[in-house]
């Protein structure tokens, strides 16, 4: 089996996932106060957004690659 159609399908799936998730969220924990046996910490959520143009580019690139792989046969 040729690898070009597999890469194209992977790119299409990746483009759809970028549209579905819109970004990656992670949580960090910071120690704000340490007083003997007592500790106070805070949690902060951070989000790394995905640009919609990245999803469009990956999706169109996968579709073009898939079409070109079938035309070359």
N, C-alpha and C. Protein backbone atom coordinates (compact mmCIF):
# COMPACT_ATOMS: atom_id res chain seq x y z
N UNK A 1 0.84 -1.18 0.00
CA UNK A 1 0.00 0.00 0.00
C UNK A 1 0.89 1.24 0.00
N UNK A 2 0.49 2.23 -0.79
CA UNK A 2 1.27 3.46 -0.87
C UNK A 2 1.05 4.31 0.37
N UNK A 3 2.07 5.05 0.72
CA UNK A 3 2.00 5.87 1.93
C UNK A 3 1.35 7.23 1.69
N UNK A 4 1.30 7.68 0.43
CA UNK A 4 0.74 9.00 0.16
C UNK A 4 -0.74 9.10 0.55
N UNK A 5 -1.60 8.13 0.20
CA UNK A 5 -3.00 8.24 0.66
C UNK A 5 -3.13 8.17 2.18
N UNK A 6 -2.27 7.42 2.84
CA UNK A 6 -2.32 7.34 4.31
C UNK A 6 -1.96 8.68 4.94
N UNK A 7 -0.95 9.34 4.40
CA UNK A 7 -0.57 10.65 4.91
C UNK A 7 -1.69 11.65 4.66
N UNK A 8 -2.32 11.57 3.49
CA UNK A 8 -3.42 12.49 3.16
C UNK A 8 -4.59 12.31 4.12
N UNK A 9 -4.95 11.07 4.42
CA UNK A 9 -6.05 10.82 5.35
C UNK A 9 -5.69 11.30 6.75
N UNK A 10 -4.45 11.09 7.14
CA UNK A 10 -3.99 11.58 8.44
C UNK A 10 -4.10 13.10 8.52
N UNK A 11 -3.72 13.81 7.46
CA UNK A 11 -3.81 15.26 7.45
C UNK A 11 -5.26 15.74 7.51
N UNK A 12 -6.15 15.04 6.83
CA UNK A 12 -7.57 15.41 6.87
C UNK A 12 -8.12 15.22 8.28
N UNK A 13 -7.80 14.12 8.91
CA UNK A 13 -8.26 13.87 10.28
C UNK A 13 -7.67 14.91 11.24
N UNK A 14 -6.41 15.25 11.05
CA UNK A 14 -5.77 16.27 11.90
C UNK A 14 -6.43 17.63 11.72
N UNK A 15 -6.78 17.99 10.49
CA UNK A 15 -7.46 19.26 10.24
C UNK A 15 -8.83 19.32 10.91
N UNK A 16 -9.57 18.22 10.88
CA UNK A 16 -10.88 18.17 11.54
C UNK A 16 -10.71 18.27 13.06
N UNK A 17 -9.68 17.62 13.61
CA UNK A 17 -9.45 17.68 15.05
C UNK A 17 -9.07 19.09 15.50
N UNK A 18 -8.33 19.83 14.68
CA UNK A 18 -7.98 21.20 15.02
C UNK A 18 -9.23 22.06 15.13
N UNK A 19 -10.19 21.84 14.21
CA UNK A 19 -11.45 22.57 14.29
C UNK A 19 -12.27 22.15 15.50
N UNK A 20 -12.23 20.89 15.87
CA UNK A 20 -13.07 20.39 16.96
C UNK A 20 -12.57 20.85 18.33
N UNK A 21 -11.27 20.87 18.54
CA UNK A 21 -10.74 21.15 19.88
C UNK A 21 -10.41 22.61 20.14
N UNK A 22 -10.10 23.39 19.15
CA UNK A 22 -9.82 24.82 19.26
C UNK A 22 -8.60 25.16 20.11
N UNK A 23 -7.99 24.23 20.78
CA UNK A 23 -6.80 24.53 21.58
C UNK A 23 -6.53 23.45 22.62
N UNK A 24 -5.39 23.59 23.27
CA UNK A 24 -4.97 22.67 24.32
C UNK A 24 -4.96 23.41 25.64
N UNK A 25 -5.60 22.83 26.66
CA UNK A 25 -5.64 23.45 27.99
C UNK A 25 -4.82 22.61 28.96
N UNK A 26 -4.01 23.29 29.78
CA UNK A 26 -3.25 22.60 30.82
C UNK A 26 -3.32 23.42 32.10
N UNK A 27 -3.06 22.76 33.22
CA UNK A 27 -3.17 23.39 34.53
C UNK A 27 -1.80 23.39 35.22
N UNK A 28 -1.44 24.54 35.80
CA UNK A 28 -0.21 24.62 36.60
C UNK A 28 -0.58 24.90 38.05
N UNK A 29 0.23 24.41 38.93
CA UNK A 29 -0.01 24.58 40.37
C UNK A 29 1.17 25.35 40.95
N UNK A 30 0.87 26.49 41.58
CA UNK A 30 1.89 27.34 42.19
C UNK A 30 1.71 27.37 43.70
N UNK A 31 2.84 27.28 44.43
CA UNK A 31 2.78 27.40 45.88
C UNK A 31 2.81 28.88 46.23
N UNK A 32 1.74 29.38 46.86
CA UNK A 32 1.67 30.80 47.17
C UNK A 32 2.12 31.10 48.59
N UNK A 33 1.91 30.15 49.51
CA UNK A 33 2.31 30.40 50.89
C UNK A 33 2.77 29.08 51.53
N UNK A 34 3.86 29.16 52.25
CA UNK A 34 4.39 28.00 52.96
C UNK A 34 4.68 28.46 54.38
N UNK A 35 3.82 28.04 55.33
CA UNK A 35 3.95 28.48 56.72
C UNK A 35 4.01 27.24 57.60
N UNK A 36 5.20 26.74 57.83
CA UNK A 36 5.38 25.54 58.65
C UNK A 36 4.75 24.34 57.96
N UNK A 37 3.85 23.62 58.66
CA UNK A 37 3.24 22.45 58.06
C UNK A 37 2.09 22.81 57.10
N UNK A 38 1.73 24.07 57.03
CA UNK A 38 0.62 24.49 56.17
C UNK A 38 1.14 25.04 54.85
N UNK A 39 0.49 24.64 53.78
CA UNK A 39 0.85 25.13 52.45
C UNK A 39 -0.42 25.56 51.72
N UNK A 40 -0.34 26.66 51.05
CA UNK A 40 -1.45 27.15 50.23
C UNK A 40 -0.95 27.20 48.80
N UNK A 41 -1.71 26.59 47.91
CA UNK A 41 -1.33 26.61 46.50
C UNK A 41 -2.53 27.01 45.64
N UNK A 42 -2.23 27.54 44.49
CA UNK A 42 -3.27 27.95 43.56
C UNK A 42 -3.08 27.20 42.25
N UNK A 43 -4.19 26.97 41.57
CA UNK A 43 -4.15 26.33 40.26
C UNK A 43 -4.57 27.35 39.21
N UNK A 44 -3.82 27.36 38.13
CA UNK A 44 -4.13 28.26 37.03
C UNK A 44 -4.27 27.45 35.76
N UNK A 45 -5.33 27.72 35.00
CA UNK A 45 -5.53 27.05 33.73
C UNK A 45 -4.99 27.94 32.61
N UNK A 46 -4.23 27.33 31.73
CA UNK A 46 -3.66 28.03 30.58
C UNK A 46 -4.16 27.33 29.32
N UNK A 47 -4.41 28.12 28.28
CA UNK A 47 -4.88 27.57 27.02
C UNK A 47 -3.96 28.01 25.90
N UNK A 48 -3.55 27.05 25.08
CA UNK A 48 -2.79 27.34 23.88
C UNK A 48 -3.77 27.18 22.71
N UNK A 49 -4.19 28.29 22.10
CA UNK A 49 -5.20 28.19 21.05
C UNK A 49 -4.61 27.75 19.72
N UNK A 50 -5.44 27.07 18.93
CA UNK A 50 -5.07 26.72 17.56
C UNK A 50 -5.67 27.76 16.63
N UNK A 51 -4.92 28.21 15.67
CA UNK A 51 -5.43 29.17 14.70
C UNK A 51 -6.32 28.45 13.70
N UNK A 52 -7.47 29.02 13.38
CA UNK A 52 -8.35 28.37 12.39
C UNK A 52 -7.69 28.22 11.02
N UNK A 53 -6.80 29.13 10.68
CA UNK A 53 -6.12 29.02 9.38
C UNK A 53 -5.24 27.77 9.32
N UNK A 54 -4.73 27.32 10.47
CA UNK A 54 -3.93 26.10 10.50
C UNK A 54 -4.80 24.89 10.17
N UNK A 55 -6.01 24.85 10.72
CA UNK A 55 -6.92 23.74 10.42
C UNK A 55 -7.33 23.72 8.97
N UNK A 56 -7.60 24.92 8.41
CA UNK A 56 -7.98 25.01 7.01
C UNK A 56 -6.83 24.56 6.11
N UNK A 57 -5.62 25.00 6.43
CA UNK A 57 -4.46 24.65 5.63
C UNK A 57 -4.19 23.15 5.64
N UNK A 58 -4.24 22.55 6.80
CA UNK A 58 -3.98 21.12 6.92
C UNK A 58 -5.07 20.32 6.22
N UNK A 59 -6.32 20.73 6.36
CA UNK A 59 -7.44 20.03 5.74
C UNK A 59 -7.37 20.11 4.22
N UNK A 60 -7.12 21.30 3.69
CA UNK A 60 -7.03 21.45 2.23
C UNK A 60 -5.80 20.73 1.69
N UNK A 61 -4.69 20.81 2.42
CA UNK A 61 -3.49 20.10 1.99
C UNK A 61 -3.70 18.59 1.93
N UNK A 62 -4.39 18.04 2.90
CA UNK A 62 -4.69 16.60 2.89
C UNK A 62 -5.62 16.22 1.75
N UNK A 63 -6.62 17.08 1.49
CA UNK A 63 -7.55 16.79 0.40
C UNK A 63 -6.85 16.84 -0.96
N UNK A 64 -6.00 17.85 -1.16
CA UNK A 64 -5.27 17.95 -2.42
C UNK A 64 -4.32 16.78 -2.58
N UNK A 65 -3.65 16.40 -1.53
CA UNK A 65 -2.73 15.26 -1.59
C UNK A 65 -3.48 13.97 -1.91
N UNK A 66 -4.66 13.81 -1.34
CA UNK A 66 -5.46 12.61 -1.61
C UNK A 66 -5.93 12.59 -3.06
N UNK A 67 -6.37 13.72 -3.58
CA UNK A 67 -6.81 13.78 -4.98
C UNK A 67 -5.64 13.51 -5.92
N UNK A 68 -4.50 14.10 -5.64
CA UNK A 68 -3.33 13.88 -6.50
C UNK A 68 -2.83 12.44 -6.45
N UNK A 69 -2.98 11.78 -5.31
CA UNK A 69 -2.53 10.39 -5.22
C UNK A 69 -3.42 9.46 -6.04
N UNK A 70 -4.72 9.78 -6.15
CA UNK A 70 -5.61 8.94 -6.96
C UNK A 70 -5.50 9.26 -8.45
N UNK A 71 -5.14 10.50 -8.81
CA UNK A 71 -4.98 10.86 -10.21
C UNK A 71 -3.71 10.27 -10.80
N UNK A 72 -2.71 10.00 -9.99
CA UNK A 72 -1.44 9.48 -10.50
C UNK A 72 -1.50 8.00 -10.82
N UNK A 73 -2.57 7.32 -10.41
CA UNK A 73 -2.68 5.88 -10.68
C UNK A 73 -3.07 5.59 -12.09
